[in-house]
Amino acid sequence: MDRARESEIGGILDWDKLRVFHAVAEAGSFTHAGEALNLSQSAVSRQISALEESLGISLFHRHARGLILTEQGELLDRTTREMFSKLAFTTARIMDTRERPWGPLRITTTVAFGSIWLTRRLKEFIEEFPDIDVSLVLSDDELDISMRQADVAIRVRPPTQPDLIQRQLMEVHYRIYASPQYIKEHGLPRTVEELDQHKLVIYGDDAAPPVSNLNWLLEIGAGEKPRRPVLKVNNIYGIYRAVRSGIGIGALPDYMTGHAEDLVEVMPGLEGPGFNTYFVYPEELRNSKRIGVFRDFLVNRIRQDLLKTK
């Protein structure tokens, strides 16, 4: 593209107009966008009209209930979202050059690990680093942190992308648990063979746990007749809740049970399959202070937890 053409496009898509367009697309109305930008509704409307006139297209469908992006508006919206995301990332990196780490920290991990293990420990981190704005995204679908969907991830599988840094956090093993209510009603199995007479809660067929032998509880010490579960659940948090409610016996990762006083370990010492957890972040955030202090915090908390269990 020659300089004259670049200058022409730059004149049409100037920063002020794009900033206003982005705000309107986010808010869905001129009024709310004006409040966010500290501009009048008429000023916002004029900027959008000027942008549409310079481009020769309509960016919004206008109706009584608000604004809807046109097809061309959606195309421009995707581009401006990417621009503002990169700007936010750059701003955060600039913030990290200060002595005290601060700025946004978007963390993603699985629903179970985040709900049960991580959230109970975040209070200490937030109090120690009040200038870091923590967001926690819990999802069993892995967000793409290389595309800025999150800054860091705690995962139960090693990443496959080459541009991500990983650090092993801790090794997790499955053990067998039941609720006191279940044991009162059905008794406590003393051997793996006795599991044939008990109600078992296992992973469902569409689950994707971090271990290959996902339903080892059905097989360990089983007789000739296959065991039938009383309940199948598609994620470990659901199994955890079902076991605590007294539905049956289930295999749970030990990070879920350290604080659960209402669970009883069945056949203590019997260890099921295991997996590792990983702290993952993009290569370009290697020198980020807020990433570094959060990594160190996790490592120290895990070390403290291990010492308590010894």
Protein backbone atom coordinates (compact mmCIF):
# COMPACT_ATOMS: atom_id res chain seq x y z
CA MET A 1 0.00 0.00 0.00
CA ASP A 2 1.46 3.40 -1.01
CA ARG A 3 1.82 6.30 1.41
CA ALA A 4 -0.97 8.31 -0.23
CA ARG A 5 -3.43 5.44 0.25
CA GLU A 6 -2.29 4.90 3.85
CA SER A 7 -2.76 8.61 4.55
CA GLU A 8 -6.26 8.52 3.03
CA ILE A 9 -7.34 5.55 5.18
CA GLY A 10 -5.70 7.05 8.25
CA GLY A 11 -7.69 10.24 7.76
CA ILE A 12 -10.95 8.29 7.60
CA LEU A 13 -10.27 5.96 10.50
CA ASP A 14 -8.81 8.42 12.96
CA TRP A 15 -8.39 7.41 16.57
CA ASP A 16 -11.11 9.63 18.02
CA LYS A 17 -13.76 8.24 15.68
CA LEU A 18 -12.70 4.64 16.37
CA ARG A 19 -12.72 5.28 20.11
CA VAL A 20 -16.29 6.58 19.90
CA PHE A 21 -17.36 3.74 17.59
CA HIS A 22 -15.93 1.16 19.99
CA ALA A 23 -17.79 2.71 22.92
CA VAL A 24 -21.09 2.77 21.00
CA ALA A 25 -20.68 -0.83 19.85
CA GLU A 26 -20.01 -1.89 23.46
CA ALA A 27 -22.86 0.15 24.96
CA GLY A 28 -25.49 -0.37 22.27
CA SER A 29 -26.67 3.25 22.45
CA PHE A 30 -25.39 6.78 21.95
CA THR A 31 -26.54 7.81 25.41
CA HIS A 32 -24.66 5.11 27.32
CA ALA A 33 -21.58 5.53 25.14
CA GLY A 34 -21.65 9.27 25.85
CA GLU A 35 -21.79 8.60 29.59
CA ALA A 36 -18.77 6.31 29.32
CA LEU A 37 -16.82 8.84 27.25
CA ASN A 38 -18.06 11.93 29.13
CA LEU A 39 -19.53 13.30 25.91
CA SER A 40 -23.01 14.45 25.01
CA GLN A 41 -25.31 12.16 23.08
CA SER A 42 -25.31 14.59 20.15
CA ALA A 43 -21.49 14.67 20.06
CA VAL A 44 -21.35 10.88 19.93
CA SER A 45 -24.00 10.79 17.21
CA ARG A 46 -22.09 13.35 15.12
CA GLN A 47 -18.87 11.34 15.36
CA ILE A 48 -20.60 8.15 14.23
CA SER A 49 -22.38 9.94 11.40
CA ALA A 50 -19.09 11.47 10.26
CA LEU A 51 -17.41 8.06 10.31
CA GLU A 52 -20.26 6.47 8.34
CA GLU A 53 -20.19 9.31 5.81
CA SER A 54 -16.43 9.04 5.31
CA LEU A 55 -16.68 5.28 4.80
CA GLY A 56 -19.81 5.50 2.68
CA ILE A 57 -21.60 2.79 4.68
CA SER A 58 -23.96 2.38 7.62
CA LEU A 59 -22.36 0.92 10.73
CA PHE A 60 -25.52 0.62 12.84
CA HIS A 61 -29.18 -0.22 12.35
CA ARG A 62 -31.05 2.39 14.38
CA HIS A 63 -34.35 1.49 16.05
CA ALA A 64 -36.37 2.50 19.10
CA ARG A 65 -34.79 -0.08 21.40
CA GLY A 66 -31.21 0.78 20.59
CA LEU A 67 -28.50 0.12 18.01
CA ILE A 68 -27.53 -3.07 16.19
CA LEU A 69 -24.32 -3.41 14.19
CA THR A 70 -24.63 -3.88 10.45
CA GLU A 71 -22.50 -6.51 8.70
CA GLN A 72 -19.87 -3.86 7.92
CA GLY A 73 -20.16 -2.57 11.49
CA GLU A 74 -19.45 -6.04 12.87
CA LEU A 75 -16.31 -6.23 10.72
CA LEU A 76 -15.06 -2.90 12.05
CA ASP A 77 -16.08 -3.91 15.60
CA ARG A 78 -13.92 -7.05 15.46
CA THR A 79 -10.94 -4.98 14.38
CA THR A 80 -11.42 -2.29 17.02
CA ARG A 81 -11.89 -4.92 19.76
CA GLU A 82 -8.55 -6.43 18.77
CA MET A 83 -6.94 -3.00 18.77
CA PHE A 84 -8.25 -2.11 22.24
CA SER A 85 -7.28 -5.54 23.57
CA LYS A 86 -3.71 -5.05 22.37
CA LEU A 87 -3.71 -1.54 23.80
CA ALA A 88 -4.87 -2.86 27.19
CA PHE A 89 -2.15 -5.50 27.09
CA THR A 90 0.50 -2.91 26.23
CA THR A 91 -0.75 -0.64 29.00
CA ALA A 92 -0.54 -3.52 31.47
CA ARG A 93 3.04 -4.24 30.42
CA ILE A 94 3.93 -0.59 30.94
CA MET A 95 2.33 -0.76 34.39
CA ASP A 96 4.54 -3.72 35.21
CA THR A 97 7.64 -1.55 34.95
CA ARG A 98 6.75 0.11 38.24
CA GLU A 99 8.27 -1.07 41.50
CA ARG A 100 5.06 -2.58 42.86
CA PRO A 101 3.21 -4.98 40.55
CA TRP A 102 -0.22 -3.76 39.55
CA GLY A 103 -2.70 -3.89 36.71
CA PRO A 104 -5.13 -6.52 35.42
CA LEU A 105 -4.49 -10.21 36.06
CA ARG A 106 -6.95 -12.54 34.32
CA ILE A 107 -6.62 -16.12 35.60
CA THR A 108 -8.31 -19.14 34.08
CA THR A 109 -8.57 -22.69 35.40
CA THR A 110 -11.07 -25.53 35.63
CA VAL A 111 -14.36 -25.11 37.47
CA ALA A 112 -13.41 -27.66 40.14
CA PHE A 113 -9.86 -26.48 40.84
CA GLY A 114 -10.86 -22.84 40.79
CA SER A 115 -13.98 -23.22 42.92
CA ILE A 116 -12.55 -25.52 45.57
CA TRP A 117 -8.78 -24.96 45.77
CA LEU A 118 -7.90 -21.59 44.25
CA THR A 119 -10.69 -19.30 45.48
CA ARG A 120 -10.00 -20.27 49.09
CA ARG A 121 -6.44 -18.99 48.73
CA LEU A 122 -6.95 -15.85 46.63
CA LYS A 123 -7.92 -13.69 49.62
CA GLU A 124 -4.33 -13.75 50.86
CA PHE A 125 -2.97 -12.82 47.42
CA ILE A 126 -5.46 -9.96 46.94
CA GLU A 127 -4.63 -8.55 50.36
CA GLU A 128 -0.90 -8.75 49.68
CA PHE A 129 -1.17 -7.14 46.22
CA PRO A 130 -4.15 -4.76 46.34
CA ASP A 131 -3.05 -2.96 43.16
CA ILE A 132 -3.49 -6.08 41.04
CA ASP A 133 -7.02 -6.34 39.62
CA VAL A 134 -7.76 -10.07 39.70
CA SER A 135 -10.31 -11.69 37.39
CA LEU A 136 -11.00 -15.40 37.63
CA VAL A 137 -12.47 -17.27 34.66
CA LEU A 138 -13.59 -20.81 35.51
CA SER A 139 -14.11 -23.06 32.52
CA ASP A 140 -13.48 -26.69 31.71
CA ASP A 141 -12.79 -25.54 28.15
CA GLU A 142 -9.22 -24.30 27.82
CA LEU A 143 -9.09 -20.62 26.96
CA ASP A 144 -6.45 -19.56 24.43
CA ILE A 145 -4.08 -17.46 26.50
CA SER A 146 -1.89 -16.81 23.47
CA MET A 147 -4.88 -14.87 22.06
CA ARG A 148 -5.29 -12.82 25.30
CA GLN A 149 -8.36 -14.69 26.53
CA ALA A 150 -6.49 -14.82 29.85
CA ASP A 151 -3.07 -13.82 31.19
CA VAL A 152 -2.28 -17.07 32.98
CA ALA A 153 -3.80 -20.52 33.27
CA ILE A 154 -3.66 -23.31 35.84
CA ARG A 155 -4.17 -26.48 33.85
CA VAL A 156 -4.43 -30.18 34.54
CA ARG A 157 -2.68 -31.04 31.28
CA PRO A 158 0.62 -29.75 29.87
CA PRO A 159 0.16 -27.17 27.11
CA THR A 160 0.87 -28.19 23.54
CA GLN A 161 1.51 -24.70 22.16
CA PRO A 162 5.23 -23.96 21.73
CA ASP A 163 4.98 -20.26 22.65
CA LEU A 164 3.75 -20.90 26.21
CA ILE A 165 5.85 -21.17 29.35
CA GLN A 166 4.84 -23.87 31.80
CA ARG A 167 5.79 -24.68 35.37
CA GLN A 168 4.65 -27.82 37.14
CA LEU A 169 2.80 -26.88 40.32
CA MET A 170 1.81 -30.09 42.07
CA GLU A 171 1.03 -33.74 41.57
CA VAL A 172 -2.54 -34.77 42.30
CA HIS A 173 -3.87 -38.27 43.05
CA TYR A 174 -7.35 -39.71 43.22
CA ARG A 175 -8.53 -41.35 46.44
CA ILE A 176 -11.86 -42.87 47.45
CA TYR A 177 -14.33 -40.92 49.60
CA ALA A 178 -17.82 -41.15 51.02
CA SER A 179 -20.00 -38.98 53.24
CA PRO A 180 -20.73 -39.89 56.88
CA GLN A 181 -24.38 -40.13 55.89
CA TYR A 182 -23.64 -42.74 53.23
CA ILE A 183 -21.44 -44.77 55.58
CA LYS A 184 -24.15 -44.72 58.27
CA GLU A 185 -26.70 -46.07 55.78
CA HIS A 186 -24.56 -48.52 53.80
CA GLY A 187 -21.48 -49.27 55.87
CA LEU A 188 -17.80 -48.68 55.16
CA PRO A 189 -16.06 -50.94 52.63
CA ARG A 190 -12.80 -52.32 54.02
CA THR A 191 -11.45 -53.91 50.82
CA VAL A 192 -11.70 -53.08 47.14
CA GLU A 193 -13.69 -56.30 46.61
CA GLU A 194 -16.41 -54.96 48.91
CA LEU A 195 -17.02 -52.09 46.49
CA ASP A 196 -19.16 -54.61 44.56
CA GLN A 197 -21.88 -54.09 47.18
CA HIS A 198 -21.77 -50.28 47.15
CA LYS A 199 -23.17 -47.39 45.16
CA LEU A 200 -20.53 -45.72 43.03
CA VAL A 201 -20.46 -42.26 41.45
CA ILE A 202 -18.26 -42.04 38.34
CA TYR A 203 -17.44 -39.90 35.33
CA GLY A 204 -19.99 -39.84 32.53
CA ASP A 205 -19.32 -41.01 29.00
CA ASP A 206 -18.85 -37.46 27.68
CA ALA A 207 -16.39 -36.41 30.40
CA ALA A 208 -12.78 -35.51 29.66
CA PRO A 209 -10.83 -35.98 32.92
CA PRO A 210 -7.05 -35.55 33.09
CA VAL A 211 -6.44 -39.28 33.66
CA SER A 212 -6.69 -42.08 31.14
CA ASN A 213 -8.26 -44.69 33.42
CA LEU A 214 -11.09 -42.37 34.36
CA ASN A 215 -13.39 -44.93 35.96
CA TRP A 216 -10.91 -47.15 37.76
CA LEU A 217 -13.34 -47.33 40.68
CA LEU A 218 -15.51 -49.68 38.61
CA GLU A 219 -12.62 -52.02 37.89
CA ILE A 220 -10.32 -52.18 40.92
CA GLY A 221 -10.90 -55.48 42.74
CA ALA A 222 -14.05 -56.15 40.75
CA GLY A 223 -15.41 -59.68 40.46
CA GLU A 224 -16.69 -61.37 37.34
CA LYS A 225 -19.84 -59.25 37.27
CA PRO A 226 -19.11 -55.67 36.16
CA ARG A 227 -20.01 -52.96 38.64
CA ARG A 228 -22.83 -50.62 37.73
CA PRO A 229 -22.62 -47.00 38.91
CA VAL A 230 -25.50 -45.35 40.69
CA LEU A 231 -24.70 -42.04 38.97
CA LYS A 232 -22.59 -40.72 36.11
CA VAL A 233 -21.46 -37.07 36.10
CA ASN A 234 -19.59 -35.26 33.33
CA ASN A 235 -17.21 -33.28 35.58
CA ILE A 236 -15.36 -33.78 38.84
CA TYR A 237 -17.10 -30.93 40.65
CA GLY A 238 -20.42 -32.68 40.10
CA ILE A 239 -18.96 -35.94 41.46
CA TYR A 240 -17.68 -34.04 44.49
CA ARG A 241 -21.11 -32.58 45.22
CA ALA A 242 -22.82 -35.94 44.70
CA VAL A 243 -20.45 -37.73 47.09
CA ARG A 244 -20.88 -35.05 49.75
CA SER A 245 -24.67 -35.35 49.46
CA GLY A 246 -24.53 -39.07 50.27
CA ILE A 247 -25.51 -40.49 46.88
CA GLY A 248 -22.56 -42.87 46.76
CA ILE A 249 -18.83 -43.46 46.95
CA GLY A 250 -16.58 -41.61 44.52
CA ALA A 251 -12.94 -41.09 43.57
CA LEU A 252 -11.84 -37.50 44.11
CA PRO A 253 -8.53 -35.67 43.54
CA ASP A 254 -6.84 -34.87 46.85
CA TYR A 255 -6.85 -31.10 46.23
CA MET A 256 -10.64 -31.23 46.70
CA THR A 257 -10.68 -33.02 50.02
CA GLY A 258 -8.07 -31.40 52.25
CA HIS A 259 -10.64 -29.04 53.79
CA ALA A 260 -13.78 -31.18 53.46
CA GLU A 261 -14.47 -32.28 57.02
CA ASP A 262 -17.72 -33.91 55.93
CA LEU A 263 -15.93 -36.52 53.78
CA VAL A 264 -14.44 -39.79 54.99
CA GLU A 265 -11.58 -41.44 53.13
CA VAL A 266 -12.40 -45.01 52.21
CA MET A 267 -9.49 -47.45 52.50
CA PRO A 268 -6.92 -44.77 53.43
CA GLY A 269 -3.64 -45.21 51.66
CA LEU A 270 -5.22 -46.64 48.52
CA GLU A 271 -4.06 -44.33 45.73
CA GLY A 272 -5.69 -44.07 42.34
CA PRO A 273 -4.44 -42.52 39.09
CA GLY A 274 -2.60 -39.21 39.26
CA PHE A 275 -1.95 -36.14 37.17
CA ASN A 276 0.10 -32.94 37.32
CA THR A 277 -1.10 -29.34 37.40
CA TYR A 278 0.72 -26.63 35.47
CA PHE A 279 1.08 -22.86 35.67
CA VAL A 280 1.04 -21.55 32.10
CA TYR A 281 1.55 -18.10 30.57
CA PRO A 282 2.73 -16.58 27.25
CA GLU A 283 6.41 -16.12 26.51
CA GLU A 284 5.95 -12.37 26.11
CA LEU A 285 4.83 -12.11 29.76
CA ARG A 286 7.99 -13.76 31.05
CA ASN A 287 9.18 -10.55 32.73
CA SER A 288 5.79 -9.39 33.96
CA LYS A 289 5.87 -8.55 37.68
CA ARG A 290 2.23 -9.35 38.29
CA ILE A 291 2.66 -12.76 36.65
CA GLY A 292 5.80 -13.43 38.67
CA VAL A 293 4.31 -12.60 42.06
CA PHE A 294 1.25 -14.73 41.37
CA ARG A 295 3.43 -17.66 40.29
CA ASP A 296 5.55 -17.36 43.44
CA PHE A 297 2.42 -17.10 45.58
CA LEU A 298 1.05 -20.36 44.16
CA VAL A 299 4.33 -22.19 44.63
CA ASN A 300 4.60 -21.05 48.25
CA ARG A 301 1.00 -21.95 49.09
CA ILE A 302 1.40 -25.41 47.61
CA ARG A 303 4.61 -25.90 49.61
CA GLN A 304 2.76 -24.87 52.79
CA ASP A 305 -0.08 -27.28 52.03
CA LEU A 306 2.38 -30.14 51.55
CA LEU A 307 4.06 -29.38 54.86
CA LYS A 308 0.69 -29.50 56.65
CA THR A 309 -0.02 -32.98 55.32
CA LYS A 310 3.29 -34.44 56.50
